[in-house]
Each structure stands twice: as C-alpha cells, then as structure tokens.
Amino acid sequence: MNKLTFLVLGSNGTLGSNIVKYLKKKKIKFKTVARKNSNYNIDLKKFKKLEKLLLKNKFDIVINCAAIIDIDKCEKSPKSTDFINCKLPKYLSNISKKFLFKLVHISTDHVYAGKFGILNTETSKIKSCNNYSRQKIKAEQSIKNNKNCLILRVNFTSNNKNSFVDQIIKSLKRKKKIYLFSDMYTSTLDVNTCAKYIVDLSLMHSKGVYNIGSKDMVSKKEFAIRMSKFLKKKIIYETCSNEVLKTKRGKNLGLNIDKLEKKLNIKVINTNKVITNLAKSYK
C-alpha cells in the first residue's frame, strides 16, 4: 500500500467521486471533504474550518476537485462563483506552504485559445472567452509560482444525468433529434480514465502544468456519431455551431498529451477507446 495520504475536496462531484473509487481500488489512504456524505462535511467557503482540519491531520496530497463548472451560471453570477473557482485555489496554494502538502488543482481545457486542427500544448496561448475560463485562468495564475503545485487542464465526460453522453443516449433511445456542434473540437476522456491519470500523476511527484485528455480530438458531432455506430443505433441529428449557445465558448480545445505520456510512460487512449469505455458503462 502507498504510504501517502490524500485529501479529496469536492468528493461528491463526478470527478471527485471517481478519484475516490480509484484510490480505493489502489488501496491508497484518503479522506474526503464535501458539504455532506463525506469524512469531513465542510462548506468550502469556511476557510477557518478547512484550516482547522488541515492543522489536525497530516495530508501529503490535496486534490481540489471543487469547482462551479456551470458556464452559464458563471456568466450570470461571477461574484458568487468566483469564490470557489478563484479564491479557494489561491487559499489552498498559500496554506499548502504552511502545512507542507502538494496541491493538485483541477483546471480546464477552456483556458485555451487554440487554432483549428492544432492540439494545444501546456505552453500554448491561453485566453478567456467567458467568465468561467477567466476564473480558471485567474486561479492558475494565483498558484503557478508555487513549486509544489500541480495544475491539470482536463476534459472528461461521463454517463451522469444531463452530461453530453447522457444527451446522446437519450436521443438514441427516444429516436429524437439532437443538435450537434460541428465546430467545437475537444480531446474528451471518460471520467474513470481521467481520474486514474490524475492520481497516477499525483503519485509521480509531478509539478507544473499538464494536459489530461484523449490522444486525439474530434468535434462534438463526430463524437456522437461514433458513439451511435458503436451502440448500433441510428442517430437523428442536426448540425449546428456552438455560437448558438447563450454563453460564448472556445472552439478549438484539443489537448496535446505528449507530456502526460512521457511522465507516466504510457500510451493515452484515443476517442474510440473512450467511447468503448462509456458504452460499456452505459450497458
């Protein structure tokens, strides 16, 4: 058993809960923090309670999965969402120096301002196109000088209710039309694989910025079509642009994962394998 002890913040969320599952599978010691149904039920806006917890317990690695990822909500209520998305990471970075733990911060591919057909590397240009991406960039900037921090720019999906995959599956089952973006490209992982890569990177004493995504990138439209073919179901769709969305989003968010592969000495899975993993879970 690995002797390191993890603390997972936001452990009830999609990513946090899958990280917990992987830690259990690997028999790694950990504790969880969330508003309820966790080892420590704490409102993460209460910094003093969180600091008291960190003072009383020795944690080697703190993974911050806590975030407000509702892009429309971030656009509508930037002041309320800024606290968790910006102030919490900054606080954790500062206090990590006091309690000597490694901070693993979950960021997003939405920070990139990529060009069509080009995968974004960790040194590619970043630019905010909405409040969500602005908050994530601001959070990264507040912790990037902490040499014991790991910043992970991720893209993942799951079968959870209202996820993109859930929308595809509902469309296939009900034989109803789904609108698919042909101009939004991502390197999406299934959440189980994403959680595995996050924990494995954390255990490797990694520092700095890493992309975590699939080996390739495809449009949202192509992803849905491939999934329908894998499930052997006819998909009824209409092609559209992501410009129809209420809040502006980036279009070229593909991730270059060479740095991840080299660090973990692995071959990262591609989109077809991601779809296979998600479809198996669905079945």
C-alpha atoms as a PDB file:
ATOM      1  CA  MET A   1       0.000   0.000   0.000  1.00  0.00           C
ATOM      2  CA  ASN A   2       1.222   3.502  -0.850  1.00  0.00           C
ATOM      3  CA  LYS A   3       2.060   5.397   2.334  1.00  0.00           C
ATOM      4  CA  LEU A   4       0.896   8.779   1.049  1.00  0.00           C
ATOM      5  CA  THR A   5      -2.419  10.138   2.310  1.00  0.00           C
ATOM      6  CA  PHE A   6      -4.763  12.035   0.017  1.00  0.00           C
ATOM      7  CA  LEU A   7      -7.476  14.571   0.799  1.00  0.00           C
ATOM      8  CA  VAL A   8     -10.092  14.977  -1.935  1.00  0.00           C
ATOM      9  CA  LEU A   9     -12.046  18.240  -1.947  1.00  0.00           C
ATOM     10  CA  GLY A  10     -15.360  18.101  -3.786  1.00  0.00           C
ATOM     11  CA  SER A  11     -15.506  14.347  -3.360  1.00  0.00           C
ATOM     12  CA  ASN A  12     -19.198  14.019  -4.263  1.00  0.00           C
ATOM     13  CA  GLY A  13     -18.820  15.519  -7.717  1.00  0.00           C
ATOM     14  CA  THR A  14     -18.414  13.489 -10.890  1.00  0.00           C
ATOM     15  CA  LEU A  15     -14.633  13.700 -10.971  1.00  0.00           C
ATOM     16  CA  GLY A  16     -14.089  13.665  -7.213  1.00  0.00           C
ATOM     17  CA  SER A  17     -16.184  10.536  -6.693  1.00  0.00           C
ATOM     18  CA  ASN A  18     -14.294   8.689  -9.439  1.00  0.00           C
ATOM     19  CA  ILE A  19     -10.964   9.705  -7.948  1.00  0.00           C
ATOM     20  CA  VAL A  20     -12.183   8.246  -4.654  1.00  0.00           C
ATOM     21  CA  LYS A  21     -13.085   4.980  -6.410  1.00  0.00           C
ATOM     22  CA  TYR A  22      -9.626   4.739  -7.929  1.00  0.00           C
ATOM     23  CA  LEU A  23      -7.916   5.481  -4.604  1.00  0.00           C
ATOM     24  CA  LYS A  24      -9.948   2.670  -3.028  1.00  0.00           C
ATOM     25  CA  LYS A  25      -9.001   0.333  -5.861  1.00  0.00           C
ATOM     26  CA  LYS A  26      -5.309   1.127  -5.381  1.00  0.00           C
ATOM     27  CA  LYS A  27      -5.656   0.810  -1.593  1.00  0.00           C
ATOM     28  CA  ILE A  28      -4.334   4.324  -1.044  1.00  0.00           C
ATOM     29  CA  LYS A  29      -5.213   6.122   2.174  1.00  0.00           C
ATOM     30  CA  PHE A  30      -7.526   9.091   1.730  1.00  0.00           C
ATOM     31  CA  LYS A  31     -10.176  11.292   3.319  1.00  0.00           C
ATOM     32  CA  THR A  32     -12.904  13.336   1.667  1.00  0.00           C
ATOM     33  CA  VAL A  33     -14.396  16.795   2.041  1.00  0.00           C
ATOM     34  CA  ALA A  34     -17.807  17.879   0.777  1.00  0.00           C
ATOM     35  CA  ARG A  35     -20.905  19.607   2.107  1.00  0.00           C
ATOM     36  CA  LYS A  36     -22.405  16.230   3.091  1.00  0.00           C
ATOM     37  CA  ASN A  37     -21.817  12.485   2.849  1.00  0.00           C
ATOM     38  CA  SER A  38     -18.045  12.782   3.279  1.00  0.00           C
ATOM     39  CA  ASN A  39     -15.464  12.189   6.001  1.00  0.00           C
ATOM     40  CA  TYR A  40     -15.488  15.911   6.771  1.00  0.00           C
ATOM     41  CA  ASN A  41     -18.680  17.758   5.951  1.00  0.00           C
ATOM     42  CA  ILE A  42     -17.437  21.303   5.397  1.00  0.00           C
ATOM     43  CA  ASP A  43     -18.653  24.276   3.424  1.00  0.00           C
ATOM     44  CA  LEU A  44     -15.505  25.108   1.454  1.00  0.00           C
ATOM     45  CA  LYS A  45     -16.261  28.805   1.798  1.00  0.00           C
ATOM     46  CA  LYS A  46     -15.461  28.389   5.507  1.00  0.00           C
ATOM     47  CA  PHE A  47     -11.693  28.663   5.281  1.00  0.00           C
ATOM     48  CA  LYS A  48     -11.165  28.569   9.042  1.00  0.00           C
ATOM     49  CA  LYS A  49     -12.882  25.165   9.331  1.00  0.00           C
ATOM     50  CA  LEU A  50     -10.803  23.842   6.459  1.00  0.00           C
ATOM     51  CA  GLU A  51      -7.613  25.162   8.010  1.00  0.00           C
ATOM     52  CA  LYS A  52      -8.505  23.534  11.320  1.00  0.00           C
ATOM     53  CA  LEU A  53      -8.919  20.214   9.516  1.00  0.00           C
ATOM     54  CA  LEU A  54      -5.538  20.572   7.814  1.00  0.00           C
ATOM     55  CA  LEU A  55      -3.916  21.510  11.110  1.00  0.00           C
ATOM     56  CA  LYS A  56      -5.220  18.406  12.905  1.00  0.00           C
ATOM     57  CA  ASN A  57      -4.442  15.927  10.122  1.00  0.00           C
ATOM     58  CA  LYS A  58      -1.382  15.157   8.025  1.00  0.00           C
ATOM     59  CA  PHE A  59      -2.182  15.024   4.319  1.00  0.00           C
ATOM     60  CA  ASP A  60       0.511  14.582   1.695  1.00  0.00           C
ATOM     61  CA  ILE A  61      -1.585  15.390  -1.366  1.00  0.00           C
ATOM     62  CA  VAL A  62      -4.718  17.543  -1.580  1.00  0.00           C
ATOM     63  CA  ILE A  63      -6.706  17.217  -4.801  1.00  0.00           C
ATOM     64  CA  ASN A  64      -9.018  20.167  -5.372  1.00  0.00           C
ATOM     65  CA  CYS A  65     -11.966  18.970  -7.450  1.00  0.00           C
ATOM     66  CA  ALA A  66     -14.265  21.659  -6.047  1.00  0.00           C
ATOM     67  CA  ALA A  67     -15.469  23.974  -8.792  1.00  0.00           C
ATOM     68  CA  ILE A  68     -18.566  25.528 -10.282  1.00  0.00           C
ATOM     69  CA  ILE A  69     -18.496  24.300 -13.870  1.00  0.00           C
ATOM     70  CA  ASP A  70     -21.908  25.602 -14.964  1.00  0.00           C
ATOM     71  CA  ILE A  71     -20.668  28.041 -17.602  1.00  0.00           C
ATOM     72  CA  ASP A  72     -23.956  29.930 -17.840  1.00  0.00           C
ATOM     73  CA  LYS A  73     -24.070  30.333 -14.060  1.00  0.00           C
ATOM     74  CA  CYS A  74     -20.507  31.688 -14.028  1.00  0.00           C
ATOM     75  CA  GLU A  75     -21.528  34.189 -16.691  1.00  0.00           C
ATOM     76  CA  LYS A  76     -24.645  35.273 -14.875  1.00  0.00           C
ATOM     77  CA  SER A  77     -23.264  35.316 -11.316  1.00  0.00           C
ATOM     78  CA  PRO A  78     -19.490  35.903 -11.482  1.00  0.00           C
ATOM     79  CA  LYS A  79     -19.202  37.200  -7.920  1.00  0.00           C
ATOM     80  CA  SER A  80     -20.791  34.142  -6.326  1.00  0.00           C
ATOM     81  CA  THR A  81     -18.917  31.611  -8.490  1.00  0.00           C
ATOM     82  CA  ASP A  82     -15.593  33.426  -8.168  1.00  0.00           C
ATOM     83  CA  PHE A  83     -15.223  32.316  -4.545  1.00  0.00           C
ATOM     84  CA  ILE A  84     -14.926  28.598  -5.262  1.00  0.00           C
ATOM     85  CA  ASN A  85     -13.310  28.919  -8.676  1.00  0.00           C
ATOM     86  CA  CYS A  86     -10.689  31.541  -7.737  1.00  0.00           C
ATOM     87  CA  LYS A  87     -10.398  32.302  -4.041  1.00  0.00           C
ATOM     88  CA  LEU A  88     -10.377  28.684  -2.853  1.00  0.00           C
ATOM     89  CA  PRO A  89      -7.444  27.593  -5.089  1.00  0.00           C
ATOM     90  CA  LYS A  90      -5.449  30.664  -4.071  1.00  0.00           C
ATOM     91  CA  TYR A  91      -6.103  29.946  -0.395  1.00  0.00           C
ATOM     92  CA  LEU A  92      -5.140  26.278  -0.789  1.00  0.00           C
ATOM     93  CA  SER A  93      -1.902  27.216  -2.521  1.00  0.00           C
ATOM     94  CA  ASN A  94      -0.964  29.638   0.249  1.00  0.00           C
ATOM     95  CA  ILE A  95      -1.804  27.238   3.050  1.00  0.00           C
ATOM     96  CA  SER A  96      -0.020  24.323   1.340  1.00  0.00           C
ATOM     97  CA  LYS A  97       3.240  26.076   2.153  1.00  0.00           C
ATOM     98  CA  LYS A  98       2.270  26.181   5.826  1.00  0.00           C
ATOM     99  CA  PHE A  99       1.157  22.555   6.130  1.00  0.00           C
ATOM    100  CA  LEU A 100       3.569  21.166   3.526  1.00  0.00           C
ATOM    101  CA  PHE A 101       1.163  19.295   1.286  1.00  0.00           C
ATOM    102  CA  LYS A 102       1.163  19.029  -2.503  1.00  0.00           C
ATOM    103  CA  LEU A 103      -1.794  20.793  -4.102  1.00  0.00           C
ATOM    104  CA  VAL A 104      -3.297  19.191  -7.193  1.00  0.00           C
ATOM    105  CA  HIS A 105      -5.582  21.727  -8.841  1.00  0.00           C
ATOM    106  CA  ILE A 106      -8.106  20.695 -11.495  1.00  0.00           C
ATOM    107  CA  SER A 107      -8.311  23.268 -14.250  1.00  0.00           C
ATOM    108  CA  THR A 108      -9.878  23.013 -17.704  1.00  0.00           C
ATOM    109  CA  ASP A 109      -9.225  22.938 -21.444  1.00  0.00           C
ATOM    110  CA  HIS A 110     -11.465  26.027 -21.695  1.00  0.00           C
ATOM    111  CA  VAL A 111      -8.436  28.205 -20.922  1.00  0.00           C
ATOM    112  CA  TYR A 112      -7.024  27.635 -24.420  1.00  0.00           C
ATOM    113  CA  ALA A 113      -7.394  29.921 -27.436  1.00  0.00           C
ATOM    114  CA  GLY A 114      -6.436  27.266 -29.960  1.00  0.00           C
ATOM    115  CA  LYS A 115      -6.292  27.286 -33.748  1.00  0.00           C
ATOM    116  CA  PHE A 116      -8.253  24.855 -35.882  1.00  0.00           C
ATOM    117  CA  GLY A 117      -6.564  21.480 -36.299  1.00  0.00           C
ATOM    118  CA  ILE A 118      -3.786  22.170 -33.795  1.00  0.00           C
ATOM    119  CA  LEU A 119      -3.584  20.425 -30.427  1.00  0.00           C
ATOM    120  CA  ASN A 120      -2.885  22.776 -27.529  1.00  0.00           C
ATOM    121  CA  THR A 121       0.307  22.136 -25.565  1.00  0.00           C
ATOM    122  CA  GLU A 122       0.814  23.274 -21.991  1.00  0.00           C
ATOM    123  CA  THR A 123       2.632  26.353 -23.321  1.00  0.00           C
ATOM    124  CA  SER A 124       0.010  27.287 -25.925  1.00  0.00           C
ATOM    125  CA  LYS A 125      -1.712  30.653 -25.796  1.00  0.00           C
ATOM    126  CA  ILE A 126      -4.434  30.977 -23.184  1.00  0.00           C
ATOM    127  CA  LYS A 127      -7.339  33.381 -23.364  1.00  0.00           C
ATOM    128  CA  SER A 128     -10.682  33.797 -21.648  1.00  0.00           C
ATOM    129  CA  CYS A 129     -13.826  33.920 -23.750  1.00  0.00           C
ATOM    130  CA  ASN A 130     -16.274  33.854 -20.826  1.00  0.00           C
ATOM    131  CA  ASN A 131     -16.320  34.249 -17.050  1.00  0.00           C
ATOM    132  CA  TYR A 132     -15.712  30.538 -16.435  1.00  0.00           C
ATOM    133  CA  SER A 133     -12.473  30.481 -18.431  1.00  0.00           C
ATOM    134  CA  ARG A 134     -11.473  33.821 -16.909  1.00  0.00           C
ATOM    135  CA  GLN A 135     -11.916  32.381 -13.408  1.00  0.00           C
ATOM    136  CA  LYS A 136      -9.924  29.249 -14.206  1.00  0.00           C
ATOM    137  CA  ILE A 137      -7.081  31.316 -15.692  1.00  0.00           C
ATOM    138  CA  LYS A 138      -7.138  33.603 -12.662  1.00  0.00           C
ATOM    139  CA  ALA A 139      -6.941  30.565 -10.359  1.00  0.00           C
ATOM    140  CA  GLU A 140      -3.984  29.134 -12.284  1.00  0.00           C
ATOM    141  CA  GLN A 141      -2.132  32.438 -12.151  1.00  0.00           C
ATOM    142  CA  SER A 142      -2.585  32.664  -8.390  1.00  0.00           C
ATOM    143  CA  ILE A 143      -0.919  29.282  -7.785  1.00  0.00           C
ATOM    144  CA  LYS A 144       1.507  28.790 -10.684  1.00  0.00           C
ATOM    145  CA  ASN A 145       4.504  30.126  -8.744  1.00  0.00           C
ATOM    146  CA  ASN A 146       4.020  27.541  -6.001  1.00  0.00           C
ATOM    147  CA  LYS A 147       6.647  24.954  -6.890  1.00  0.00           C
ATOM    148  CA  ASN A 148       4.745  22.219  -5.066  1.00  0.00           C
ATOM    149  CA  CYS A 149       1.529  22.621  -7.075  1.00  0.00           C
ATOM    150  CA  LEU A 150       0.273  20.522  -9.955  1.00  0.00           C
ATOM    151  CA  ILE A 151      -2.173  22.169 -12.382  1.00  0.00           C
ATOM    152  CA  LEU A 152      -4.170  19.792 -14.570  1.00  0.00           C
ATOM    153  CA  ARG A 153      -6.074  21.048 -17.603  1.00  0.00           C
ATOM    154  CA  VAL A 154      -8.628  18.335 -18.178  1.00  0.00           C
ATOM    155  CA  ASN A 155     -11.573  17.400 -20.350  1.00  0.00           C
ATOM    156  CA  PHE A 156     -13.774  14.486 -19.347  1.00  0.00           C
ATOM    157  CA  THR A 157     -17.315  13.262 -19.682  1.00  0.00           C
ATOM    158  CA  SER A 158     -19.457  10.606 -18.031  1.00  0.00           C
ATOM    159  CA  ASN A 159     -22.839   8.908 -18.243  1.00  0.00           C
ATOM    160  CA  ASN A 160     -24.203  11.108 -15.459  1.00  0.00           C
ATOM    161  CA  LYS A 161     -27.577  12.753 -15.889  1.00  0.00           C
ATOM    162  CA  ASN A 162     -27.536  15.734 -18.280  1.00  0.00           C
ATOM    163  CA  SER A 163     -23.964  15.052 -19.419  1.00  0.00           C
ATOM    164  CA  PHE A 164     -23.228  15.165 -23.157  1.00  0.00           C
ATOM    165  CA  VAL A 165     -23.135  11.364 -23.275  1.00  0.00           C
ATOM    166  CA  ASP A 166     -26.459  11.186 -21.419  1.00  0.00           C
ATOM    167  CA  GLN A 167     -27.986  13.510 -24.019  1.00  0.00           C
ATOM    168  CA  ILE A 168     -26.692  11.302 -26.832  1.00  0.00           C
ATOM    169  CA  ILE A 169     -28.040   8.126 -25.227  1.00  0.00           C
ATOM    170  CA  LYS A 170     -31.459   9.668 -24.548  1.00  0.00           C
ATOM    171  CA  SER A 171     -31.632  10.836 -28.155  1.00  0.00           C
ATOM    172  CA  LEU A 172     -30.807   7.340 -29.421  1.00  0.00           C
ATOM    173  CA  LYS A 173     -33.293   5.598 -27.122  1.00  0.00           C
ATOM    174  CA  ARG A 174     -36.152   8.011 -27.845  1.00  0.00           C
ATOM    175  CA  LYS A 175     -35.288   8.379 -31.537  1.00  0.00           C
ATOM    176  CA  LYS A 176     -35.379  12.143 -31.176  1.00  0.00           C
ATOM    177  CA  LYS A 177     -33.297  14.746 -32.938  1.00  0.00           C
ATOM    178  CA  ILE A 178     -30.188  16.041 -31.208  1.00  0.00           C
ATOM    179  CA  TYR A 179     -28.308  19.205 -32.158  1.00  0.00           C
ATOM    180  CA  LEU A 180     -24.581  18.613 -32.590  1.00  0.00           C
ATOM    181  CA  PHE A 181     -21.741  21.116 -32.854  1.00  0.00           C
ATOM    182  CA  SER A 182     -19.531  20.627 -35.892  1.00  0.00           C
ATOM    183  CA  ASP A 183     -17.169  23.443 -34.911  1.00  0.00           C
ATOM    184  CA  MET A 184     -16.247  22.594 -31.312  1.00  0.00           C
ATOM    185  CA  TYR A 185     -13.262  20.237 -31.010  1.00  0.00           C
ATOM    186  CA  THR A 186     -12.150  18.554 -27.796  1.00  0.00           C
ATOM    187  CA  SER A 187      -9.981  15.707 -26.517  1.00  0.00           C
ATOM    188  CA  THR A 188     -12.519  14.146 -24.198  1.00  0.00           C
ATOM    189  CA  LEU A 189     -11.746  11.303 -21.781  1.00  0.00           C
ATOM    190  CA  ASP A 190     -14.166   9.104 -19.908  1.00  0.00           C
ATOM    191  CA  VAL A 191     -14.144  10.179 -16.267  1.00  0.00           C
ATOM    192  CA  ASN A 192     -12.776   6.865 -14.954  1.00  0.00           C
ATOM    193  CA  THR A 193      -9.655   7.120 -17.103  1.00  0.00           C
ATOM    194  CA  CYS A 194      -9.275  10.810 -16.273  1.00  0.00           C
ATOM    195  CA  ALA A 195      -9.383  10.027 -12.535  1.00  0.00           C
ATOM    196  CA  LYS A 196      -6.741   7.317 -12.983  1.00  0.00           C
ATOM    197  CA  TYR A 197      -4.366   9.666 -14.801  1.00  0.00           C
ATOM    198  CA  ILE A 198      -4.850  12.353 -12.135  1.00  0.00           C
ATOM    199  CA  VAL A 199      -3.966  10.033  -9.253  1.00  0.00           C
ATOM    200  CA  ASP A 200      -1.066   8.443 -11.122  1.00  0.00           C
ATOM    201  CA  LEU A 201       0.403  11.867 -11.940  1.00  0.00           C
ATOM    202  CA  SER A 202      -0.001  12.932  -8.321  1.00  0.00           C
ATOM    203  CA  LEU A 203       1.905   9.875  -7.132  1.00  0.00           C
ATOM    204  CA  MET A 204       4.745  10.626  -9.569  1.00  0.00           C
ATOM    205  CA  HIS A 205       5.598  13.869  -7.747  1.00  0.00           C
ATOM    206  CA  SER A 206       4.657  15.819 -10.881  1.00  0.00           C
ATOM    207  CA  LYS A 207       4.743  19.615 -10.831  1.00  0.00           C
ATOM    208  CA  GLY A 208       3.730  22.436 -13.119  1.00  0.00           C
ATOM    209  CA  VAL A 209       1.028  22.173 -15.791  1.00  0.00           C
ATOM    210  CA  TYR A 210      -0.184  19.019 -17.549  1.00  0.00           C
ATOM    211  CA  ASN A 211      -2.926  18.402 -20.089  1.00  0.00           C
ATOM    212  CA  ILE A 212      -5.141  15.383 -19.463  1.00  0.00           C
ATOM    213  CA  GLY A 213      -7.329  14.300 -22.357  1.00  0.00           C
ATOM    214  CA  SER A 214      -7.639  11.685 -25.070  1.00  0.00           C
ATOM    215  CA  LYS A 215      -4.907  11.047 -27.638  1.00  0.00           C
ATOM    216  CA  ASP A 216      -6.825  12.754 -30.450  1.00  0.00           C
ATOM    217  CA  MET A 217      -9.520  15.385 -30.869  1.00  0.00           C
ATOM    218  CA  VAL A 218     -12.902  15.256 -32.558  1.00  0.00           C
ATOM    219  CA  SER A 219     -15.882  17.535 -32.887  1.00  0.00           C
ATOM    220  CA  LYS A 220     -18.903  17.071 -30.665  1.00  0.00           C
ATOM    221  CA  LYS A 221     -20.761  15.956 -33.789  1.00  0.00           C
ATOM    222  CA  GLU A 222     -18.194  13.295 -34.680  1.00  0.00           C
ATOM    223  CA  PHE A 223     -18.106  12.027 -31.092  1.00  0.00           C
ATOM    224  CA  ALA A 224     -21.882  11.499 -31.061  1.00  0.00           C
ATOM    225  CA  ILE A 225     -21.892   9.795 -34.480  1.00  0.00           C
ATOM    226  CA  ARG A 226     -19.120   7.411 -33.438  1.00  0.00           C
ATOM    227  CA  MET A 227     -20.963   6.549 -30.248  1.00  0.00           C
ATOM    228  CA  SER A 228     -24.177   5.815 -32.146  1.00  0.00           C
ATOM    229  CA  LYS A 229     -22.277   3.499 -34.500  1.00  0.00           C
ATOM    230  CA  PHE A 230     -20.668   1.685 -31.590  1.00  0.00           C
ATOM    231  CA  LEU A 231     -24.090   1.166 -29.980  1.00  0.00           C
ATOM    232  CA  LYS A 232     -25.514   0.174 -33.401  1.00  0.00           C
ATOM    233  CA  LYS A 233     -28.297   2.722 -33.174  1.00  0.00           C
ATOM    234  CA  LYS A 234     -29.409   5.311 -35.695  1.00  0.00           C
ATOM    235  CA  ILE A 235     -28.816   8.886 -34.652  1.00  0.00           C
ATOM    236  CA  ILE A 236     -31.113  11.682 -35.772  1.00  0.00           C
ATOM    237  CA  TYR A 237     -29.272  14.961 -35.639  1.00  0.00           C
ATOM    238  CA  GLU A 238     -28.974  18.466 -36.979  1.00  0.00           C
ATOM    239  CA  THR A 239     -25.588  20.105 -37.408  1.00  0.00           C
ATOM    240  CA  CYS A 240     -25.120  23.481 -35.768  1.00  0.00           C
ATOM    241  CA  SER A 241     -22.467  25.867 -34.489  1.00  0.00           C
ATOM    242  CA  ASN A 242     -21.611  26.369 -30.835  1.00  0.00           C
ATOM    243  CA  GLU A 243     -22.236  30.044 -31.477  1.00  0.00           C
ATOM    244  CA  VAL A 244     -25.930  29.360 -30.811  1.00  0.00           C
ATOM    245  CA  LEU A 245     -25.115  28.892 -27.125  1.00  0.00           C
ATOM    246  CA  LYS A 246     -26.119  31.618 -24.706  1.00  0.00           C
ATOM    247  CA  THR A 247     -22.567  31.950 -23.355  1.00  0.00           C
ATOM    248  CA  LYS A 248     -19.628  32.044 -25.755  1.00  0.00           C
ATOM    249  CA  ARG A 249     -17.285  29.046 -25.653  1.00  0.00           C
ATOM    250  CA  GLY A 250     -13.974  28.142 -27.209  1.00  0.00           C
ATOM    251  CA  LYS A 251     -13.990  26.026 -30.351  1.00  0.00           C
ATOM    252  CA  ASN A 252     -10.510  24.502 -30.652  1.00  0.00           C
ATOM    253  CA  LEU A 253      -9.845  22.882 -27.297  1.00  0.00           C
ATOM    254  CA  GLY A 254      -7.914  19.794 -28.390  1.00  0.00           C
ATOM    255  CA  LEU A 255      -5.148  18.735 -25.997  1.00  0.00           C
ATOM    256  CA  ASN A 256      -1.612  17.651 -26.784  1.00  0.00           C
ATOM    257  CA  ILE A 257      -0.853  14.973 -24.170  1.00  0.00           C
ATOM    258  CA  ASP A 258       2.779  14.170 -25.063  1.00  0.00           C
ATOM    259  CA  LYS A 259       3.966  15.489 -21.698  1.00  0.00           C
ATOM    260  CA  LEU A 260       1.498  13.239 -19.852  1.00  0.00           C
ATOM    261  CA  GLU A 261       2.511  10.168 -21.838  1.00  0.00           C
ATOM    262  CA  LYS A 262       6.191  10.793 -21.232  1.00  0.00           C
ATOM    263  CA  LYS A 263       5.753  11.333 -17.481  1.00  0.00           C
ATOM    264  CA  LEU A 264       3.611   8.235 -16.921  1.00  0.00           C
ATOM    265  CA  ASN A 265       5.367   6.177 -19.621  1.00  0.00           C
ATOM    266  CA  ILE A 266       2.033   5.196 -21.159  1.00  0.00           C
ATOM    267  CA  LYS A 267       0.044   5.434 -24.369  1.00  0.00           C
ATOM    268  CA  VAL A 268      -3.029   7.543 -23.689  1.00  0.00           C
ATOM    269  CA  ILE A 269      -6.287   6.151 -25.071  1.00  0.00           C
ATOM    270  CA  ASN A 270      -7.980   7.641 -28.135  1.00  0.00           C
ATOM    271  CA  THR A 271     -11.590   8.711 -28.717  1.00  0.00           C
ATOM    272  CA  ASN A 272     -12.733   5.278 -29.916  1.00  0.00           C
ATOM    273  CA  LYS A 273     -11.499   3.687 -26.680  1.00  0.00           C
ATOM    274  CA  VAL A 274     -13.152   6.468 -24.653  1.00  0.00           C
ATOM    275  CA  ILE A 275     -16.452   5.701 -26.394  1.00  0.00           C
ATOM    276  CA  THR A 276     -15.956   1.979 -25.736  1.00  0.00           C
ATOM    277  CA  ASN A 277     -15.429   2.666 -22.013  1.00  0.00           C
ATOM    278  CA  LEU A 278     -18.500   4.901 -21.808  1.00  0.00           C
ATOM    279  CA  ALA A 279     -20.672   2.478 -23.770  1.00  0.00           C
ATOM    280  CA  LYS A 280     -19.675  -0.438 -21.525  1.00  0.00           C
ATOM    281  CA  SER A 281     -20.599   1.606 -18.512  1.00  0.00           C
ATOM    282  CA  TYR A 282     -23.922   2.509 -20.143  1.00  0.00           C
ATOM    283  CA  LYS A 283     -24.744  -1.137 -20.853  1.00  0.00           C
END
